[in-house]
Amino acid sequence: MSEEIKRNEKGEIEVLGHSPWPGYRKAFYVAFTLGIIYLSLAFSGLLSGGGH
């Protein structure tokens, strides 16, 4: 891991343009969708179980 840190003329660190691990976008969308479904079920009262 001897990657050299690139800096622009302002001295800010530039992010190296490498592609992330394959399938990251699909995994993000799946996790995001499951989170939305979970939150919608929780706020609708189906997951409360206590009857509050």
N, C-alpha and C. Protein backbone atom coordinates (compact mmCIF):
# COMPACT_ATOMS: atom_id res chain seq x y z
N MET A 1 0.82 -1.18 0.00
CA MET A 1 0.00 0.00 0.00
C MET A 1 0.87 1.25 0.00
N SER A 2 1.70 1.34 -0.96
CA SER A 2 2.58 2.50 -1.05
C SER A 2 2.05 3.49 -2.07
N GLU A 3 0.76 3.83 -1.93
CA GLU A 3 0.18 4.79 -2.84
C GLU A 3 0.62 6.19 -2.47
N GLU A 4 1.01 6.94 -3.46
CA GLU A 4 1.47 8.30 -3.21
C GLU A 4 0.27 9.23 -3.11
N ILE A 5 0.32 10.15 -2.15
CA ILE A 5 -0.78 11.09 -1.97
C ILE A 5 -0.62 12.21 -2.99
N LYS A 6 -1.67 12.42 -3.78
CA LYS A 6 -1.66 13.47 -4.78
C LYS A 6 -2.29 14.72 -4.19
N ARG A 7 -1.68 15.87 -4.46
CA ARG A 7 -2.23 17.14 -4.00
C ARG A 7 -2.35 18.09 -5.18
N ASN A 8 -3.42 18.89 -5.16
CA ASN A 8 -3.59 19.87 -6.22
C ASN A 8 -2.81 21.14 -5.89
N GLU A 9 -3.00 22.17 -6.69
CA GLU A 9 -2.19 23.38 -6.47
C GLU A 9 -2.53 24.10 -5.18
N LYS A 10 -3.72 23.85 -4.62
CA LYS A 10 -4.08 24.45 -3.33
C LYS A 10 -3.56 23.64 -2.16
N GLY A 11 -2.99 22.48 -2.43
CA GLY A 11 -2.49 21.63 -1.35
C GLY A 11 -3.52 20.66 -0.83
N GLU A 12 -4.69 20.62 -1.48
CA GLU A 12 -5.73 19.70 -1.05
C GLU A 12 -5.45 18.31 -1.61
N ILE A 13 -5.80 17.32 -0.84
CA ILE A 13 -5.55 15.95 -1.26
C ILE A 13 -6.58 15.54 -2.31
N GLU A 14 -6.11 14.99 -3.41
CA GLU A 14 -7.00 14.51 -4.47
C GLU A 14 -7.26 13.02 -4.26
N VAL A 15 -8.50 12.63 -4.48
CA VAL A 15 -8.87 11.23 -4.33
C VAL A 15 -8.45 10.48 -5.58
N LEU A 16 -7.84 9.34 -5.39
CA LEU A 16 -7.42 8.54 -6.52
C LEU A 16 -8.64 7.97 -7.22
N GLY A 17 -8.61 7.97 -8.54
CA GLY A 17 -9.77 7.53 -9.32
C GLY A 17 -9.72 6.06 -9.65
N HIS A 18 -9.94 5.23 -8.65
CA HIS A 18 -10.01 3.79 -8.91
C HIS A 18 -11.44 3.33 -8.72
N SER A 19 -11.77 2.27 -9.39
CA SER A 19 -13.14 1.77 -9.29
C SER A 19 -13.31 0.97 -8.00
N PRO A 20 -14.44 1.14 -7.31
CA PRO A 20 -14.68 0.39 -6.08
C PRO A 20 -14.96 -1.08 -6.36
N TRP A 21 -15.16 -1.83 -5.31
CA TRP A 21 -15.38 -3.27 -5.48
C TRP A 21 -16.64 -3.51 -6.29
N PRO A 22 -16.64 -4.56 -7.10
CA PRO A 22 -17.77 -4.80 -8.00
C PRO A 22 -19.06 -5.10 -7.23
N GLY A 23 -20.15 -4.60 -7.71
CA GLY A 23 -21.44 -4.85 -7.10
C GLY A 23 -21.80 -3.91 -5.97
N TYR A 24 -20.98 -2.87 -5.76
CA TYR A 24 -21.25 -1.96 -4.64
C TYR A 24 -22.55 -1.20 -4.85
N ARG A 25 -22.85 -0.84 -6.09
CA ARG A 25 -24.05 -0.05 -6.34
C ARG A 25 -25.30 -0.86 -6.09
N LYS A 26 -25.30 -2.13 -6.53
CA LYS A 26 -26.47 -2.99 -6.29
C LYS A 26 -26.64 -3.23 -4.79
N ALA A 27 -25.54 -3.45 -4.09
CA ALA A 27 -25.63 -3.67 -2.64
C ALA A 27 -26.16 -2.43 -1.93
N PHE A 28 -25.75 -1.26 -2.38
CA PHE A 28 -26.25 -0.03 -1.78
C PHE A 28 -27.76 0.10 -1.99
N TYR A 29 -28.21 -0.15 -3.22
CA TYR A 29 -29.64 -0.03 -3.49
C TYR A 29 -30.46 -1.05 -2.72
N VAL A 30 -29.95 -2.28 -2.59
CA VAL A 30 -30.66 -3.31 -1.82
C VAL A 30 -30.76 -2.90 -0.36
N ALA A 31 -29.65 -2.45 0.21
CA ALA A 31 -29.66 -2.04 1.62
C ALA A 31 -30.56 -0.82 1.83
N PHE A 32 -30.52 0.13 0.91
CA PHE A 32 -31.36 1.32 1.02
C PHE A 32 -32.83 0.95 0.95
N THR A 33 -33.19 0.07 0.01
CA THR A 33 -34.58 -0.34 -0.14
C THR A 33 -35.07 -1.09 1.10
N LEU A 34 -34.24 -2.00 1.62
CA LEU A 34 -34.63 -2.72 2.82
C LEU A 34 -34.79 -1.78 4.01
N GLY A 35 -33.95 -0.77 4.09
CA GLY A 35 -34.08 0.21 5.17
C GLY A 35 -35.37 0.99 5.07
N ILE A 36 -35.73 1.40 3.86
CA ILE A 36 -36.98 2.13 3.67
C ILE A 36 -38.18 1.25 4.03
N ILE A 37 -38.14 0.00 3.60
CA ILE A 37 -39.24 -0.93 3.93
C ILE A 37 -39.35 -1.12 5.43
N TYR A 38 -38.22 -1.30 6.10
CA TYR A 38 -38.23 -1.49 7.55
C TYR A 38 -38.80 -0.26 8.25
N LEU A 39 -38.35 0.92 7.84
CA LEU A 39 -38.84 2.13 8.49
C LEU A 39 -40.33 2.33 8.25
N SER A 40 -40.80 2.03 7.03
CA SER A 40 -42.22 2.20 6.76
C SER A 40 -43.06 1.22 7.58
N LEU A 41 -42.57 0.00 7.74
CA LEU A 41 -43.29 -0.97 8.57
C LEU A 41 -43.26 -0.56 10.03
N ALA A 42 -42.13 -0.05 10.49
CA ALA A 42 -42.01 0.33 11.90
C ALA A 42 -42.93 1.51 12.21
N PHE A 43 -42.99 2.50 11.33
CA PHE A 43 -43.82 3.67 11.60
C PHE A 43 -45.29 3.40 11.34
N SER A 44 -45.60 2.36 10.59
CA SER A 44 -47.01 2.05 10.38
C SER A 44 -47.58 1.27 11.55
N GLY A 45 -46.73 0.77 12.42
CA GLY A 45 -47.21 0.10 13.62
C GLY A 45 -47.20 -1.41 13.50
N LEU A 46 -46.82 -1.97 12.38
CA LEU A 46 -46.83 -3.42 12.23
C LEU A 46 -45.72 -4.10 13.03
N LEU A 47 -44.63 -3.37 13.28
CA LEU A 47 -43.52 -3.97 14.00
C LEU A 47 -43.48 -3.59 15.48
N SER A 48 -44.46 -2.84 15.95
CA SER A 48 -44.41 -2.36 17.33
C SER A 48 -44.62 -3.53 18.30
N GLY A 49 -45.66 -4.32 18.10
CA GLY A 49 -45.88 -5.48 18.94
C GLY A 49 -46.37 -5.17 20.34
N GLY A 50 -46.16 -3.95 20.81
CA GLY A 50 -46.59 -3.59 22.18
C GLY A 50 -47.97 -2.98 22.23
N GLY A 51 -48.49 -2.53 21.15
CA GLY A 51 -49.80 -1.94 21.11
C GLY A 51 -49.85 -0.56 21.74
N HIS A 52 -48.78 0.16 21.68
CA HIS A 52 -48.73 1.49 22.30
C HIS A 52 -49.46 2.49 21.43
